[in-house]
Amino acid sequence: MSRIGRKPVSIPQGVKIQIDGATVSAEGPKGKLMQPVPAGLSAKLENNQLVISRSGDDRKTRALHGLARALVANMVTGVKDGFERKLDIVGIGYRAQVQGRVITLALGYSHPVIFPLPEGITAEIERQVAITLRGADKALLGQTAAKLRSLREPDPYKGKGIRYSDEVVRRKVGKKAGAGAK
């Protein structure tokens, strides 16, 4: 049996859980999220804990058991506390500013890059080079951060671009001046 799938999801104070057929929805101070439970799995609410159980023992159901539990746990954590992802912009003249639901970035291109934020994600920019994304949906937050990073990925020679704040960019040496010149 799946070790992760077997663990119950404890429901914190201030979070309401509703099970409607094959859909689990959670509502809390940070918003409302819904998560479908795959076929072969069922969700039950038992004394302030959510338990995901499986009906069969076939390979696909076993594989989805831990995944479904983790997705529901992330949903509960998201509506209670929310998630955060930080990105850094490295490069001379590279900067960002937020205007409403849009981030405008100067990334060394001949034009400013306009990046609209999806619903449920908020951005905060410090010193024009540090972006903090916040949201209740962990998957949407990660996808948004990845799309933002892909606008100018860090290059291996100078390290310029958008990177996650905890990311380590492996640097290459590049050409050596006069290495083989005669």
N, C-alpha and C. Protein backbone atom coordinates (compact mmCIF):
# COMPACT_ATOMS: atom_id res chain seq x y z
N MET A 1 0.84 -1.18 0.00
CA MET A 1 0.00 0.00 0.00
C MET A 1 0.89 1.25 0.00
N SER A 2 0.43 2.30 -0.64
CA SER A 2 1.19 3.53 -0.75
C SER A 2 1.38 4.18 0.62
N ARG A 3 2.62 4.51 0.94
CA ARG A 3 2.89 5.13 2.24
C ARG A 3 2.29 6.53 2.31
N ILE A 4 2.41 7.28 1.22
CA ILE A 4 1.87 8.63 1.21
C ILE A 4 0.35 8.60 1.12
N GLY A 5 -0.19 7.74 0.27
CA GLY A 5 -1.64 7.66 0.11
C GLY A 5 -2.35 7.21 1.36
N ARG A 6 -1.68 6.44 2.18
CA ARG A 6 -2.28 5.91 3.39
C ARG A 6 -2.41 6.98 4.49
N LYS A 7 -1.56 8.01 4.47
CA LYS A 7 -1.59 9.04 5.50
C LYS A 7 -2.83 9.91 5.37
N PRO A 8 -3.54 10.19 6.45
CA PRO A 8 -4.69 11.08 6.37
C PRO A 8 -4.25 12.54 6.27
N VAL A 9 -5.08 13.36 5.62
CA VAL A 9 -4.82 14.79 5.51
C VAL A 9 -5.57 15.47 6.64
N SER A 10 -4.84 16.08 7.56
CA SER A 10 -5.51 16.77 8.67
C SER A 10 -6.03 18.11 8.18
N ILE A 11 -7.24 18.43 8.60
CA ILE A 11 -7.91 19.67 8.18
C ILE A 11 -7.67 20.72 9.26
N PRO A 12 -6.96 21.81 8.94
CA PRO A 12 -6.70 22.84 9.94
C PRO A 12 -7.94 23.69 10.23
N GLN A 13 -7.87 24.44 11.32
CA GLN A 13 -8.96 25.33 11.70
C GLN A 13 -9.16 26.40 10.63
N GLY A 14 -10.39 26.67 10.26
CA GLY A 14 -10.68 27.70 9.27
C GLY A 14 -10.78 27.20 7.84
N VAL A 15 -10.62 25.90 7.63
CA VAL A 15 -10.73 25.32 6.28
C VAL A 15 -11.96 24.42 6.23
N LYS A 16 -12.81 24.65 5.22
CA LYS A 16 -14.00 23.82 5.03
C LYS A 16 -13.77 22.88 3.86
N ILE A 17 -14.03 21.59 4.07
CA ILE A 17 -13.87 20.58 3.03
C ILE A 17 -15.25 20.06 2.65
N GLN A 18 -15.45 19.91 1.34
CA GLN A 18 -16.71 19.38 0.84
C GLN A 18 -16.39 18.30 -0.19
N ILE A 19 -17.02 17.15 -0.04
CA ILE A 19 -16.83 16.05 -0.98
C ILE A 19 -18.11 15.88 -1.77
N ASP A 20 -17.98 16.06 -3.10
CA ASP A 20 -19.14 15.96 -3.97
C ASP A 20 -18.83 14.93 -5.06
N GLY A 21 -19.19 13.69 -4.82
CA GLY A 21 -18.91 12.63 -5.78
C GLY A 21 -17.42 12.39 -5.88
N ALA A 22 -16.85 12.65 -7.06
CA ALA A 22 -15.42 12.43 -7.28
C ALA A 22 -14.63 13.73 -7.22
N THR A 23 -15.18 14.75 -6.55
CA THR A 23 -14.50 16.04 -6.45
C THR A 23 -14.41 16.46 -4.99
N VAL A 24 -13.20 16.87 -4.59
CA VAL A 24 -12.99 17.39 -3.24
C VAL A 24 -12.74 18.89 -3.39
N SER A 25 -13.49 19.71 -2.65
CA SER A 25 -13.28 21.15 -2.70
C SER A 25 -12.95 21.65 -1.31
N ALA A 26 -12.05 22.62 -1.26
CA ALA A 26 -11.62 23.21 0.00
C ALA A 26 -11.78 24.71 -0.08
N GLU A 27 -12.24 25.29 1.02
CA GLU A 27 -12.41 26.74 1.08
C GLU A 27 -11.76 27.23 2.36
N GLY A 28 -10.94 28.27 2.23
CA GLY A 28 -10.24 28.82 3.37
C GLY A 28 -9.99 30.30 3.20
N PRO A 29 -9.16 30.88 4.05
CA PRO A 29 -8.91 32.32 3.98
C PRO A 29 -8.20 32.77 2.70
N LYS A 30 -7.45 31.90 2.04
CA LYS A 30 -6.71 32.28 0.82
C LYS A 30 -7.48 32.00 -0.47
N GLY A 31 -8.66 31.39 -0.37
CA GLY A 31 -9.44 31.14 -1.58
C GLY A 31 -10.15 29.81 -1.55
N LYS A 32 -10.63 29.41 -2.72
CA LYS A 32 -11.37 28.16 -2.87
C LYS A 32 -10.76 27.37 -4.01
N LEU A 33 -10.50 26.07 -3.78
CA LEU A 33 -9.92 25.21 -4.80
C LEU A 33 -10.69 23.91 -4.88
N MET A 34 -10.66 23.29 -6.06
CA MET A 34 -11.32 22.00 -6.27
C MET A 34 -10.30 21.04 -6.87
N GLN A 35 -10.41 19.76 -6.47
CA GLN A 35 -9.50 18.74 -6.99
C GLN A 35 -10.29 17.48 -7.30
N PRO A 36 -10.28 17.00 -8.55
CA PRO A 36 -10.96 15.74 -8.84
C PRO A 36 -10.17 14.55 -8.30
N VAL A 37 -10.89 13.55 -7.82
CA VAL A 37 -10.27 12.32 -7.34
C VAL A 37 -10.37 11.31 -8.47
N PRO A 38 -9.26 10.69 -8.89
CA PRO A 38 -9.29 9.75 -10.02
C PRO A 38 -10.20 8.55 -9.77
N ALA A 39 -10.62 7.92 -10.84
CA ALA A 39 -11.47 6.73 -10.75
C ALA A 39 -10.72 5.63 -10.01
N GLY A 40 -11.42 4.90 -9.18
CA GLY A 40 -10.80 3.84 -8.39
C GLY A 40 -10.40 4.30 -7.01
N LEU A 41 -10.45 5.60 -6.76
CA LEU A 41 -10.13 6.16 -5.45
C LEU A 41 -11.35 6.87 -4.89
N SER A 42 -11.45 6.93 -3.58
CA SER A 42 -12.56 7.64 -2.95
C SER A 42 -12.04 8.44 -1.77
N ALA A 43 -12.73 9.54 -1.47
CA ALA A 43 -12.35 10.41 -0.37
C ALA A 43 -13.44 10.38 0.69
N LYS A 44 -13.02 10.29 1.95
CA LYS A 44 -13.96 10.30 3.07
C LYS A 44 -13.46 11.26 4.13
N LEU A 45 -14.39 11.91 4.81
CA LEU A 45 -14.07 12.82 5.89
C LEU A 45 -14.36 12.10 7.21
N GLU A 46 -13.30 11.83 7.98
CA GLU A 46 -13.45 11.14 9.26
C GLU A 46 -12.79 11.95 10.36
N ASN A 47 -13.55 12.33 11.36
CA ASN A 47 -13.14 13.14 12.52
C ASN A 47 -12.02 14.14 12.20
N ASN A 48 -12.37 15.13 11.37
CA ASN A 48 -11.52 16.25 10.99
C ASN A 48 -10.25 15.83 10.24
N GLN A 49 -10.32 14.69 9.57
CA GLN A 49 -9.24 14.24 8.70
C GLN A 49 -9.82 13.69 7.41
N LEU A 50 -9.13 13.96 6.32
CA LEU A 50 -9.57 13.49 5.01
C LEU A 50 -8.73 12.27 4.64
N VAL A 51 -9.41 11.16 4.32
CA VAL A 51 -8.73 9.91 4.00
C VAL A 51 -9.02 9.55 2.55
N ILE A 52 -7.95 9.29 1.78
CA ILE A 52 -8.10 8.83 0.40
C ILE A 52 -7.87 7.32 0.43
N SER A 53 -8.85 6.56 -0.04
CA SER A 53 -8.71 5.10 -0.07
C SER A 53 -8.96 4.60 -1.48
N ARG A 54 -8.41 3.43 -1.78
CA ARG A 54 -8.58 2.88 -3.12
C ARG A 54 -9.42 1.61 -3.06
N SER A 55 -10.17 1.40 -4.13
CA SER A 55 -11.06 0.24 -4.17
C SER A 55 -10.35 -1.02 -4.66
N GLY A 56 -9.48 -0.87 -5.64
CA GLY A 56 -8.78 -2.02 -6.20
C GLY A 56 -7.29 -1.97 -5.92
N ASP A 57 -6.60 -2.97 -6.44
CA ASP A 57 -5.16 -3.05 -6.23
C ASP A 57 -4.41 -3.12 -7.55
N ASP A 58 -5.03 -2.62 -8.62
CA ASP A 58 -4.35 -2.67 -9.91
C ASP A 58 -3.27 -1.59 -9.96
N ARG A 59 -2.38 -1.73 -10.93
CA ARG A 59 -1.19 -0.89 -11.01
C ARG A 59 -1.51 0.60 -11.12
N LYS A 60 -2.47 0.97 -11.98
CA LYS A 60 -2.79 2.38 -12.19
C LYS A 60 -3.39 3.02 -10.94
N THR A 61 -4.26 2.31 -10.25
CA THR A 61 -4.88 2.84 -9.03
C THR A 61 -3.83 3.02 -7.94
N ARG A 62 -2.92 2.06 -7.83
CA ARG A 62 -1.85 2.17 -6.83
C ARG A 62 -0.96 3.38 -7.13
N ALA A 63 -0.69 3.61 -8.42
CA ALA A 63 0.16 4.73 -8.81
C ALA A 63 -0.50 6.07 -8.51
N LEU A 64 -1.82 6.15 -8.66
CA LEU A 64 -2.53 7.40 -8.44
C LEU A 64 -2.88 7.67 -6.98
N HIS A 65 -2.74 6.66 -6.11
CA HIS A 65 -3.15 6.80 -4.72
C HIS A 65 -2.37 7.90 -4.00
N GLY A 66 -1.06 7.81 -4.02
CA GLY A 66 -0.22 8.81 -3.36
C GLY A 66 -0.33 10.17 -4.03
N LEU A 67 -0.45 10.18 -5.36
CA LEU A 67 -0.58 11.43 -6.09
C LEU A 67 -1.84 12.18 -5.67
N ALA A 68 -2.97 11.47 -5.63
CA ALA A 68 -4.24 12.10 -5.27
C ALA A 68 -4.18 12.66 -3.85
N ARG A 69 -3.57 11.92 -2.93
CA ARG A 69 -3.46 12.39 -1.55
C ARG A 69 -2.58 13.64 -1.48
N ALA A 70 -1.47 13.65 -2.22
CA ALA A 70 -0.57 14.80 -2.22
C ALA A 70 -1.24 16.04 -2.82
N LEU A 71 -2.01 15.86 -3.89
CA LEU A 71 -2.70 16.98 -4.51
C LEU A 71 -3.75 17.57 -3.57
N VAL A 72 -4.48 16.71 -2.86
CA VAL A 72 -5.48 17.18 -1.90
C VAL A 72 -4.80 17.88 -0.73
N ALA A 73 -3.68 17.34 -0.25
CA ALA A 73 -2.94 17.97 0.85
C ALA A 73 -2.41 19.34 0.44
N ASN A 74 -1.90 19.46 -0.79
CA ASN A 74 -1.43 20.76 -1.29
C ASN A 74 -2.58 21.75 -1.41
N MET A 75 -3.76 21.26 -1.79
CA MET A 75 -4.93 22.12 -1.90
C MET A 75 -5.32 22.66 -0.53
N VAL A 76 -5.32 21.79 0.48
CA VAL A 76 -5.68 22.21 1.85
C VAL A 76 -4.65 23.22 2.38
N THR A 77 -3.37 22.96 2.16
CA THR A 77 -2.33 23.89 2.59
C THR A 77 -2.44 25.22 1.86
N GLY A 78 -2.77 25.16 0.59
CA GLY A 78 -2.88 26.38 -0.22
C GLY A 78 -4.00 27.30 0.23
N VAL A 79 -5.17 26.75 0.53
CA VAL A 79 -6.28 27.61 0.95
C VAL A 79 -6.08 28.12 2.38
N LYS A 80 -5.26 27.44 3.17
CA LYS A 80 -4.99 27.89 4.54
C LYS A 80 -3.87 28.93 4.57
N ASP A 81 -2.69 28.58 4.03
CA ASP A 81 -1.51 29.45 4.13
C ASP A 81 -1.08 30.05 2.79
N GLY A 82 -1.31 29.36 1.70
CA GLY A 82 -0.85 29.81 0.40
C GLY A 82 0.58 29.36 0.13
N PHE A 83 1.03 29.53 -1.10
CA PHE A 83 2.38 29.15 -1.50
C PHE A 83 3.08 30.37 -2.07
N GLU A 84 4.41 30.30 -2.13
CA GLU A 84 5.21 31.44 -2.58
C GLU A 84 6.38 30.92 -3.39
N ARG A 85 6.71 31.63 -4.48
CA ARG A 85 7.86 31.29 -5.32
C ARG A 85 8.60 32.58 -5.63
N LYS A 86 9.92 32.58 -5.41
CA LYS A 86 10.71 33.79 -5.64
C LYS A 86 11.60 33.59 -6.85
N LEU A 87 11.70 34.65 -7.67
CA LEU A 87 12.57 34.65 -8.84
C LEU A 87 13.47 35.88 -8.77
N ASP A 88 14.68 35.75 -9.29
CA ASP A 88 15.63 36.85 -9.35
C ASP A 88 15.92 37.16 -10.81
N ILE A 89 16.07 38.46 -11.11
CA ILE A 89 16.45 38.89 -12.45
C ILE A 89 17.90 39.37 -12.37
N VAL A 90 18.77 38.75 -13.18
CA VAL A 90 20.19 39.06 -13.16
C VAL A 90 20.58 39.60 -14.53
N GLY A 91 21.19 40.77 -14.58
CA GLY A 91 21.65 41.35 -15.84
C GLY A 91 21.58 42.86 -15.81
N ILE A 92 22.50 43.50 -16.48
CA ILE A 92 22.53 44.96 -16.53
C ILE A 92 21.32 45.44 -17.34
N GLY A 93 20.53 46.31 -16.75
CA GLY A 93 19.36 46.87 -17.43
C GLY A 93 18.14 45.97 -17.39
N TYR A 94 18.24 44.78 -16.82
CA TYR A 94 17.09 43.89 -16.71
C TYR A 94 16.29 44.31 -15.48
N ARG A 95 14.99 44.50 -15.65
CA ARG A 95 14.15 44.90 -14.53
C ARG A 95 12.70 44.55 -14.81
N ALA A 96 11.90 44.64 -13.77
CA ALA A 96 10.48 44.33 -13.88
C ALA A 96 9.68 45.31 -13.05
N GLN A 97 8.44 45.51 -13.46
CA GLN A 97 7.51 46.28 -12.66
C GLN A 97 6.11 45.72 -12.86
N VAL A 98 5.31 45.79 -11.81
CA VAL A 98 3.97 45.24 -11.87
C VAL A 98 2.97 46.39 -11.94
N GLN A 99 1.98 46.23 -12.84
CA GLN A 99 0.91 47.22 -12.99
C GLN A 99 -0.40 46.45 -13.02
N GLY A 100 -1.06 46.38 -11.88
CA GLY A 100 -2.31 45.64 -11.81
C GLY A 100 -2.06 44.14 -11.92
N ARG A 101 -2.61 43.50 -12.95
CA ARG A 101 -2.47 42.06 -13.16
C ARG A 101 -1.45 41.75 -14.26
N VAL A 102 -0.56 42.71 -14.56
CA VAL A 102 0.41 42.55 -15.64
C VAL A 102 1.82 42.88 -15.12
N ILE A 103 2.80 42.05 -15.48
CA ILE A 103 4.20 42.34 -15.18
C ILE A 103 4.86 42.78 -16.48
N THR A 104 5.51 43.96 -16.45
CA THR A 104 6.24 44.47 -17.59
C THR A 104 7.73 44.26 -17.32
N LEU A 105 8.39 43.55 -18.23
CA LEU A 105 9.79 43.18 -18.03
C LEU A 105 10.67 43.79 -19.12
N ALA A 106 11.83 44.30 -18.72
CA ALA A 106 12.87 44.72 -19.67
C ALA A 106 13.97 43.68 -19.56
N LEU A 107 14.12 42.86 -20.61
CA LEU A 107 15.02 41.71 -20.56
C LEU A 107 16.08 41.72 -21.65
N GLY A 108 16.43 42.91 -22.12
CA GLY A 108 17.47 43.00 -23.13
C GLY A 108 16.98 42.86 -24.55
N TYR A 109 15.67 42.68 -24.72
CA TYR A 109 15.10 42.62 -26.07
C TYR A 109 14.84 44.05 -26.55
N SER A 110 14.47 44.21 -27.80
CA SER A 110 14.21 45.54 -28.35
C SER A 110 12.86 46.10 -27.91
N HIS A 111 12.10 45.30 -27.18
CA HIS A 111 10.76 45.71 -26.74
C HIS A 111 10.53 45.21 -25.31
N PRO A 112 9.66 45.88 -24.57
CA PRO A 112 9.33 45.35 -23.24
C PRO A 112 8.45 44.11 -23.37
N VAL A 113 8.63 43.17 -22.47
CA VAL A 113 7.85 41.93 -22.48
C VAL A 113 6.70 42.11 -21.50
N ILE A 114 5.47 41.90 -21.98
CA ILE A 114 4.27 42.02 -21.15
C ILE A 114 3.85 40.62 -20.75
N PHE A 115 3.75 40.37 -19.44
CA PHE A 115 3.38 39.05 -18.93
C PHE A 115 2.12 39.18 -18.08
N PRO A 116 0.95 38.71 -18.58
CA PRO A 116 -0.28 38.78 -17.77
C PRO A 116 -0.29 37.67 -16.73
N LEU A 117 -0.68 38.01 -15.52
CA LEU A 117 -0.76 37.03 -14.44
C LEU A 117 -2.08 36.28 -14.51
N PRO A 118 -2.06 34.97 -14.31
CA PRO A 118 -3.31 34.22 -14.29
C PRO A 118 -4.13 34.54 -13.04
N GLU A 119 -5.41 34.25 -13.09
CA GLU A 119 -6.31 34.49 -11.97
C GLU A 119 -5.88 33.64 -10.77
N GLY A 120 -5.75 34.26 -9.62
CA GLY A 120 -5.36 33.53 -8.42
C GLY A 120 -3.90 33.67 -8.07
N ILE A 121 -3.11 34.31 -8.92
CA ILE A 121 -1.67 34.52 -8.66
C ILE A 121 -1.44 36.02 -8.51
N THR A 122 -0.70 36.39 -7.47
CA THR A 122 -0.33 37.79 -7.27
C THR A 122 1.18 37.92 -7.32
N ALA A 123 1.66 39.08 -7.73
CA ALA A 123 3.10 39.32 -7.85
C ALA A 123 3.47 40.55 -7.06
N GLU A 124 4.66 40.49 -6.49
CA GLU A 124 5.22 41.61 -5.75
C GLU A 124 6.67 41.75 -6.20
N ILE A 125 7.09 42.97 -6.51
CA ILE A 125 8.43 43.18 -7.02
C ILE A 125 9.21 44.08 -6.07
N GLU A 126 10.39 43.61 -5.65
CA GLU A 126 11.26 44.37 -4.77
C GLU A 126 12.51 44.77 -5.55
N ARG A 127 12.92 46.01 -5.44
CA ARG A 127 14.15 46.53 -6.06
C ARG A 127 14.20 46.29 -7.57
N GLN A 128 13.11 46.10 -8.22
CA GLN A 128 12.98 45.89 -9.66
C GLN A 128 13.63 44.61 -10.17
N VAL A 129 14.30 43.84 -9.32
CA VAL A 129 14.96 42.62 -9.78
C VAL A 129 14.59 41.38 -8.98
N ALA A 130 13.69 41.48 -8.03
CA ALA A 130 13.26 40.32 -7.24
C ALA A 130 11.74 40.21 -7.34
N ILE A 131 11.27 39.11 -7.92
CA ILE A 131 9.84 38.89 -8.11
C ILE A 131 9.38 37.82 -7.12
N THR A 132 8.31 38.10 -6.39
CA THR A 132 7.72 37.13 -5.48
C THR A 132 6.31 36.83 -5.98
N LEU A 133 6.07 35.59 -6.35
CA LEU A 133 4.74 35.16 -6.79
C LEU A 133 4.06 34.43 -5.64
N ARG A 134 2.78 34.73 -5.43
CA ARG A 134 2.02 34.08 -4.37
C ARG A 134 0.68 33.59 -4.93
N GLY A 135 0.22 32.46 -4.36
CA GLY A 135 -1.07 31.93 -4.78
C GLY A 135 -1.44 30.71 -3.95
N ALA A 136 -2.70 30.32 -4.05
CA ALA A 136 -3.19 29.17 -3.29
C ALA A 136 -2.97 27.86 -4.04
N ASP A 137 -2.98 27.89 -5.36
CA ASP A 137 -2.83 26.69 -6.18
C ASP A 137 -1.34 26.46 -6.48
N LYS A 138 -0.76 25.41 -5.90
CA LYS A 138 0.67 25.14 -6.04
C LYS A 138 1.06 24.84 -7.48
N ALA A 139 0.24 24.09 -8.20
CA ALA A 139 0.55 23.74 -9.59
C ALA A 139 0.52 24.97 -10.48
N LEU A 140 -0.48 25.82 -10.32
CA LEU A 140 -0.59 27.03 -11.13
C LEU A 140 0.55 27.99 -10.81
N LEU A 141 0.94 28.07 -9.56
CA LEU A 141 2.05 28.94 -9.15
C LEU A 141 3.36 28.46 -9.78
N GLY A 142 3.61 27.17 -9.75
CA GLY A 142 4.82 26.62 -10.36
C GLY A 142 4.85 26.80 -11.86
N GLN A 143 3.70 26.63 -12.50
CA GLN A 143 3.60 26.81 -13.95
C GLN A 143 3.84 28.26 -14.33
N THR A 144 3.29 29.20 -13.56
CA THR A 144 3.48 30.62 -13.82
C THR A 144 4.94 31.01 -13.65
N ALA A 145 5.59 30.50 -12.59
CA ALA A 145 7.01 30.79 -12.37
C ALA A 145 7.86 30.23 -13.51
N ALA A 146 7.52 29.04 -14.00
CA ALA A 146 8.27 28.43 -15.09
C ALA A 146 8.10 29.22 -16.39
N LYS A 147 6.90 29.71 -16.65
CA LYS A 147 6.67 30.52 -17.85
C LYS A 147 7.43 31.84 -17.77
N LEU A 148 7.43 32.44 -16.59
CA LEU A 148 8.16 33.70 -16.38
C LEU A 148 9.66 33.48 -16.58
N ARG A 149 10.19 32.38 -16.05
CA ARG A 149 11.61 32.05 -16.20
C ARG A 149 11.97 31.79 -17.65
N SER A 150 11.05 31.18 -18.41
CA SER A 150 11.34 30.84 -19.81
C SER A 150 11.42 32.07 -20.72
N LEU A 151 10.99 33.24 -20.23
CA LEU A 151 11.09 34.44 -21.05
C LEU A 151 12.56 34.81 -21.32
N ARG A 152 13.44 34.52 -20.34
CA ARG A 152 14.88 34.72 -20.52
C ARG A 152 15.58 33.81 -19.52
N GLU A 153 15.84 32.58 -19.96
CA GLU A 153 16.49 31.61 -19.07
C GLU A 153 17.93 32.05 -18.80
N PRO A 154 18.48 31.73 -17.63
CA PRO A 154 19.85 32.15 -17.33
C PRO A 154 20.84 31.47 -18.27
N ASP A 155 21.71 32.28 -18.86
CA ASP A 155 22.68 31.70 -19.78
C ASP A 155 23.89 31.19 -19.00
N PRO A 156 24.56 30.15 -19.49
CA PRO A 156 25.64 29.52 -18.72
C PRO A 156 26.96 30.30 -18.74
N TYR A 157 27.08 31.33 -19.58
CA TYR A 157 28.35 32.04 -19.68
C TYR A 157 28.41 33.25 -18.76
N LYS A 158 27.41 34.09 -18.77
CA LYS A 158 27.40 35.28 -17.91
C LYS A 158 26.40 35.17 -16.76
N GLY A 159 25.48 34.21 -16.84
CA GLY A 159 24.49 34.03 -15.78
C GLY A 159 23.33 34.99 -15.85
N LYS A 160 23.21 35.72 -16.97
CA LYS A 160 22.14 36.69 -17.10
C LYS A 160 20.81 36.01 -17.40
N GLY A 161 19.73 36.54 -16.86
CA GLY A 161 18.40 36.01 -17.13
C GLY A 161 17.55 35.96 -15.88
N ILE A 162 16.43 35.26 -15.96
CA ILE A 162 15.52 35.09 -14.83
C ILE A 162 15.77 33.71 -14.25
N ARG A 163 16.00 33.64 -12.94
CA ARG A 163 16.23 32.36 -12.28
C ARG A 163 15.43 32.30 -10.99
N TYR A 164 15.19 31.07 -10.52
CA TYR A 164 14.59 30.90 -9.21
C TYR A 164 15.62 31.35 -8.17
N SER A 165 15.17 31.89 -7.06
CA SER A 165 16.12 32.43 -6.07
C SER A 165 16.99 31.35 -5.46
N ASP A 166 16.52 30.10 -5.43
CA ASP A 166 17.32 29.02 -4.87
C ASP A 166 18.04 28.20 -5.95
N GLU A 167 17.99 28.65 -7.19
CA GLU A 167 18.61 27.92 -8.30
C GLU A 167 20.10 28.25 -8.39
N VAL A 168 20.90 27.25 -8.68
CA VAL A 168 22.33 27.44 -8.89
C VAL A 168 22.60 27.25 -10.38
N VAL A 169 23.14 28.27 -11.02
CA VAL A 169 23.42 28.21 -12.45
C VAL A 169 24.87 27.79 -12.63
N ARG A 170 25.07 26.67 -13.33
CA ARG A 170 26.43 26.20 -13.60
C ARG A 170 27.03 27.05 -14.70
N ARG A 171 28.17 27.65 -14.42
CA ARG A 171 28.79 28.57 -15.35
C ARG A 171 29.84 27.85 -16.20
N LYS A 172 29.89 28.22 -17.48
CA LYS A 172 30.90 27.70 -18.39
C LYS A 172 32.03 28.72 -18.51
N VAL A 173 33.21 28.27 -18.89
CA VAL A 173 34.37 29.14 -18.95
C VAL A 173 34.31 30.06 -20.16
N GLY A 174 33.97 29.55 -21.33
CA GLY A 174 33.95 30.37 -22.54
C GLY A 174 35.30 30.37 -23.22
N LYS A 175 35.47 31.27 -24.16
CA LYS A 175 36.71 31.33 -24.92
C LYS A 175 37.81 31.99 -24.09
N LYS A 176 39.02 31.53 -24.27
CA LYS A 176 40.17 32.15 -23.63
C LYS A 176 40.86 33.05 -24.67
N ALA A 177 41.18 34.26 -24.27
CA ALA A 177 41.84 35.18 -25.19
C ALA A 177 43.27 34.73 -25.46
N GLY A 178 43.62 34.56 -26.71
CA GLY A 178 44.99 34.20 -27.12
C GLY A 178 45.36 32.78 -26.74
N ALA A 179 44.42 31.87 -26.64
CA ALA A 179 44.72 30.50 -26.19
C ALA A 179 45.48 29.72 -27.24
N GLY A 180 45.25 29.96 -28.49
CA GLY A 180 45.97 29.20 -29.50
C GLY A 180 46.49 30.10 -30.60
N ALA A 181 46.47 31.39 -30.36
CA ALA A 181 46.88 32.36 -31.40
C ALA A 181 48.40 32.39 -31.55
N LYS A 182 48.86 32.54 -32.79
CA LYS A 182 50.31 32.62 -33.05
C LYS A 182 50.67 33.93 -33.63
